[in-house]
Amino acid sequence: MDRPLAKPALRIPPLPASLGLACMAVGAVVLIGLTTLALVPLLLGLGLLAAWLVAALLLGWAGVEGLAALERWMESDQRFQR
């Protein structure tokens, strides 16, 4: 009761098969490279956005501290006492 092995339905000669595999490999390398290059501006933009937010927070904090120092100076200066 030996059954013959199933024959593959698709038979591709070796040269076209190897050319197809080579084209797929080159395509994969190109796609990976383009995807990586597409991520660079996105990551740079996110980094710049984070830096801008940190700078805005620091500038706001410095502004509040400056106003507090101005208030203390105005309270202690004789020219503003009436």
N, C-alpha and C. Protein backbone atom coordinates (compact mmCIF):
# COMPACT_ATOMS: atom_id res chain seq x y z
N MET A 1 0.80 -1.19 0.00
CA MET A 1 0.00 0.00 0.00
C MET A 1 0.84 1.25 0.00
N ASP A 2 1.86 1.24 -0.73
CA ASP A 2 2.67 2.44 -0.84
C ASP A 2 2.00 3.41 -1.79
N ARG A 3 1.77 4.59 -1.25
CA ARG A 3 1.17 5.62 -2.09
C ARG A 3 2.27 6.45 -2.72
N PRO A 4 2.15 6.80 -3.96
CA PRO A 4 3.17 7.66 -4.56
C PRO A 4 3.07 9.06 -3.95
N LEU A 5 4.23 9.68 -3.81
CA LEU A 5 4.26 11.04 -3.27
C LEU A 5 3.55 11.98 -4.23
N ALA A 6 2.89 12.97 -3.66
CA ALA A 6 2.16 13.93 -4.50
C ALA A 6 3.16 14.76 -5.28
N LYS A 7 2.85 14.95 -6.52
CA LYS A 7 3.73 15.76 -7.36
C LYS A 7 3.38 17.23 -7.13
N PRO A 8 4.40 18.08 -7.08
CA PRO A 8 4.11 19.50 -6.90
C PRO A 8 3.33 20.03 -8.10
N ALA A 9 2.36 20.86 -7.83
CA ALA A 9 1.51 21.37 -8.90
C ALA A 9 2.25 22.42 -9.72
N LEU A 10 3.18 23.13 -9.11
CA LEU A 10 3.89 24.21 -9.80
C LEU A 10 5.35 23.81 -9.95
N ARG A 11 5.78 23.72 -11.17
CA ARG A 11 7.18 23.37 -11.43
C ARG A 11 7.83 24.54 -12.14
N ILE A 12 8.76 25.18 -11.44
CA ILE A 12 9.46 26.32 -12.02
C ILE A 12 10.90 25.88 -12.30
N PRO A 13 11.38 26.15 -13.50
CA PRO A 13 12.77 25.82 -13.79
C PRO A 13 13.72 26.59 -12.86
N PRO A 14 14.90 26.06 -12.62
CA PRO A 14 15.81 26.66 -11.64
C PRO A 14 16.21 28.11 -11.96
N LEU A 15 16.48 28.43 -13.22
CA LEU A 15 16.94 29.79 -13.54
C LEU A 15 15.86 30.83 -13.26
N PRO A 16 14.64 30.67 -13.75
CA PRO A 16 13.62 31.68 -13.40
C PRO A 16 13.33 31.74 -11.90
N ALA A 17 13.40 30.60 -11.23
CA ALA A 17 13.15 30.59 -9.79
C ALA A 17 14.23 31.39 -9.07
N SER A 18 15.49 31.19 -9.46
CA SER A 18 16.57 31.92 -8.81
C SER A 18 16.50 33.41 -9.14
N LEU A 19 16.10 33.75 -10.37
CA LEU A 19 15.94 35.17 -10.71
C LEU A 19 14.80 35.80 -9.92
N GLY A 20 13.72 35.05 -9.73
CA GLY A 20 12.61 35.56 -8.92
C GLY A 20 13.02 35.78 -7.47
N LEU A 21 13.76 34.83 -6.93
CA LEU A 21 14.23 34.99 -5.55
C LEU A 21 15.19 36.17 -5.42
N ALA A 22 16.06 36.34 -6.40
CA ALA A 22 17.00 37.47 -6.36
C ALA A 22 16.24 38.78 -6.44
N CYS A 23 15.22 38.86 -7.30
CA CYS A 23 14.42 40.09 -7.39
C CYS A 23 13.67 40.37 -6.09
N MET A 24 13.15 39.32 -5.46
CA MET A 24 12.47 39.53 -4.18
C MET A 24 13.43 40.00 -3.10
N ALA A 25 14.65 39.47 -3.11
CA ALA A 25 15.64 39.89 -2.11
C ALA A 25 16.02 41.36 -2.31
N VAL A 26 16.24 41.74 -3.57
CA VAL A 26 16.58 43.15 -3.86
C VAL A 26 15.41 44.05 -3.48
N GLY A 27 14.21 43.63 -3.80
CA GLY A 27 13.03 44.41 -3.43
C GLY A 27 12.89 44.57 -1.93
N ALA A 28 13.18 43.51 -1.19
CA ALA A 28 13.10 43.59 0.27
C ALA A 28 14.12 44.57 0.82
N VAL A 29 15.34 44.53 0.27
CA VAL A 29 16.38 45.47 0.72
C VAL A 29 15.96 46.90 0.41
N VAL A 30 15.41 47.13 -0.77
CA VAL A 30 14.99 48.48 -1.15
C VAL A 30 13.85 48.94 -0.25
N LEU A 31 12.87 48.09 0.00
CA LEU A 31 11.75 48.47 0.87
C LEU A 31 12.20 48.77 2.29
N ILE A 32 13.11 47.96 2.82
CA ILE A 32 13.62 48.21 4.17
C ILE A 32 14.39 49.52 4.20
N GLY A 33 15.19 49.77 3.18
CA GLY A 33 15.94 51.03 3.12
C GLY A 33 15.04 52.24 3.03
N LEU A 34 14.01 52.17 2.18
CA LEU A 34 13.10 53.31 2.04
C LEU A 34 12.28 53.53 3.31
N THR A 35 11.88 52.44 3.95
CA THR A 35 11.15 52.58 5.21
C THR A 35 12.02 53.23 6.28
N THR A 36 13.27 52.83 6.34
CA THR A 36 14.19 53.43 7.30
C THR A 36 14.38 54.91 7.00
N LEU A 37 14.56 55.24 5.73
CA LEU A 37 14.74 56.65 5.36
C LEU A 37 13.48 57.46 5.62
N ALA A 38 12.33 56.85 5.51
CA ALA A 38 11.08 57.56 5.79
C ALA A 38 10.93 57.83 7.28
N LEU A 39 11.51 56.98 8.11
CA LEU A 39 11.41 57.18 9.56
C LEU A 39 12.31 58.29 10.06
N VAL A 40 13.38 58.61 9.34
CA VAL A 40 14.33 59.62 9.81
C VAL A 40 13.65 60.98 10.00
N PRO A 41 12.92 61.53 9.03
CA PRO A 41 12.27 62.83 9.27
C PRO A 41 11.23 62.76 10.39
N LEU A 42 10.54 61.64 10.50
CA LEU A 42 9.56 61.50 11.56
C LEU A 42 10.23 61.56 12.93
N LEU A 43 11.32 60.83 13.10
CA LEU A 43 12.02 60.83 14.37
C LEU A 43 12.65 62.19 14.66
N LEU A 44 13.19 62.84 13.63
CA LEU A 44 13.74 64.19 13.82
C LEU A 44 12.63 65.16 14.22
N GLY A 45 11.48 65.05 13.59
CA GLY A 45 10.37 65.92 13.95
C GLY A 45 9.90 65.70 15.37
N LEU A 46 9.83 64.44 15.80
CA LEU A 46 9.43 64.16 17.18
C LEU A 46 10.47 64.69 18.17
N GLY A 47 11.74 64.58 17.81
CA GLY A 47 12.79 65.12 18.68
C GLY A 47 12.71 66.63 18.78
N LEU A 48 12.47 67.28 17.65
CA LEU A 48 12.36 68.74 17.67
C LEU A 48 11.12 69.19 18.45
N LEU A 49 10.03 68.45 18.32
CA LEU A 49 8.83 68.78 19.08
C LEU A 49 9.08 68.63 20.58
N ALA A 50 9.75 67.57 20.97
CA ALA A 50 10.07 67.37 22.40
C ALA A 50 10.99 68.49 22.90
N ALA A 51 11.97 68.87 22.11
CA ALA A 51 12.87 69.95 22.51
C ALA A 51 12.12 71.26 22.63
N TRP A 52 11.19 71.51 21.70
CA TRP A 52 10.40 72.75 21.76
C TRP A 52 9.52 72.78 23.00
N LEU A 53 8.93 71.65 23.35
CA LEU A 53 8.09 71.59 24.55
C LEU A 53 8.92 71.82 25.81
N VAL A 54 10.09 71.23 25.88
CA VAL A 54 10.96 71.45 27.04
C VAL A 54 11.38 72.91 27.12
N ALA A 55 11.73 73.49 25.98
CA ALA A 55 12.12 74.90 25.97
C ALA A 55 10.96 75.80 26.39
N ALA A 56 9.75 75.48 25.94
CA ALA A 56 8.58 76.28 26.32
C ALA A 56 8.32 76.19 27.82
N LEU A 57 8.46 74.98 28.38
CA LEU A 57 8.27 74.82 29.82
C LEU A 57 9.33 75.59 30.61
N LEU A 58 10.57 75.50 30.18
CA LEU A 58 11.63 76.23 30.87
C LEU A 58 11.45 77.73 30.75
N LEU A 59 11.04 78.20 29.58
CA LEU A 59 10.81 79.63 29.39
C LEU A 59 9.64 80.11 30.25
N GLY A 60 8.59 79.32 30.33
CA GLY A 60 7.46 79.69 31.19
C GLY A 60 7.86 79.73 32.65
N TRP A 61 8.64 78.75 33.08
CA TRP A 61 9.11 78.73 34.46
C TRP A 61 9.99 79.94 34.75
N ALA A 62 10.90 80.25 33.81
CA ALA A 62 11.77 81.41 33.99
C ALA A 62 10.94 82.70 34.03
N GLY A 63 9.89 82.78 33.24
CA GLY A 63 9.03 83.97 33.25
C GLY A 63 8.32 84.14 34.58
N VAL A 64 7.80 83.06 35.13
CA VAL A 64 7.13 83.13 36.43
C VAL A 64 8.13 83.53 37.52
N GLU A 65 9.31 82.96 37.49
CA GLU A 65 10.33 83.32 38.47
C GLU A 65 10.74 84.79 38.33
N GLY A 66 10.84 85.25 37.08
CA GLY A 66 11.18 86.65 36.85
C GLY A 66 10.11 87.59 37.37
N LEU A 67 8.85 87.24 37.14
CA LEU A 67 7.76 88.07 37.67
C LEU A 67 7.74 88.07 39.20
N ALA A 68 8.04 86.93 39.81
CA ALA A 68 8.09 86.86 41.27
C ALA A 68 9.22 87.73 41.81
N ALA A 69 10.37 87.70 41.13
CA ALA A 69 11.49 88.54 41.56
C ALA A 69 11.15 90.02 41.38
N LEU A 70 10.46 90.37 40.30
CA LEU A 70 10.05 91.76 40.08
C LEU A 70 9.07 92.20 41.17
N GLU A 71 8.16 91.31 41.56
CA GLU A 71 7.20 91.65 42.61
C GLU A 71 7.92 91.89 43.94
N ARG A 72 8.88 91.02 44.27
CA ARG A 72 9.63 91.20 45.51
C ARG A 72 10.41 92.50 45.49
N TRP A 73 10.98 92.83 44.34
CA TRP A 73 11.75 94.07 44.23
C TRP A 73 10.83 95.29 44.38
N MET A 74 9.64 95.23 43.74
CA MET A 74 8.72 96.36 43.84
C MET A 74 8.20 96.53 45.26
N GLU A 75 8.03 95.43 46.01
CA GLU A 75 7.56 95.53 47.38
C GLU A 75 8.61 96.11 48.32
N SER A 76 9.88 95.89 47.99
CA SER A 76 10.94 96.35 48.89
C SER A 76 11.54 97.69 48.48
N ASP A 77 11.31 98.17 47.26
CA ASP A 77 11.90 99.43 46.81
C ASP A 77 11.08 100.60 47.35
N GLN A 78 11.79 101.62 47.82
CA GLN A 78 11.13 102.79 48.41
C GLN A 78 10.35 103.60 47.38
N ARG A 79 10.73 103.55 46.14
CA ARG A 79 10.04 104.35 45.12
C ARG A 79 8.59 103.88 44.91
N PHE A 80 8.32 102.65 45.26
CA PHE A 80 6.97 102.11 45.06
C PHE A 80 6.15 102.12 46.35
N GLN A 81 6.72 102.60 47.44
CA GLN A 81 6.00 102.65 48.70
C GLN A 81 5.26 103.98 48.78
N ARG A 82 3.98 103.97 48.97
CA ARG A 82 3.20 105.22 49.11
C ARG A 82 2.23 105.08 50.23
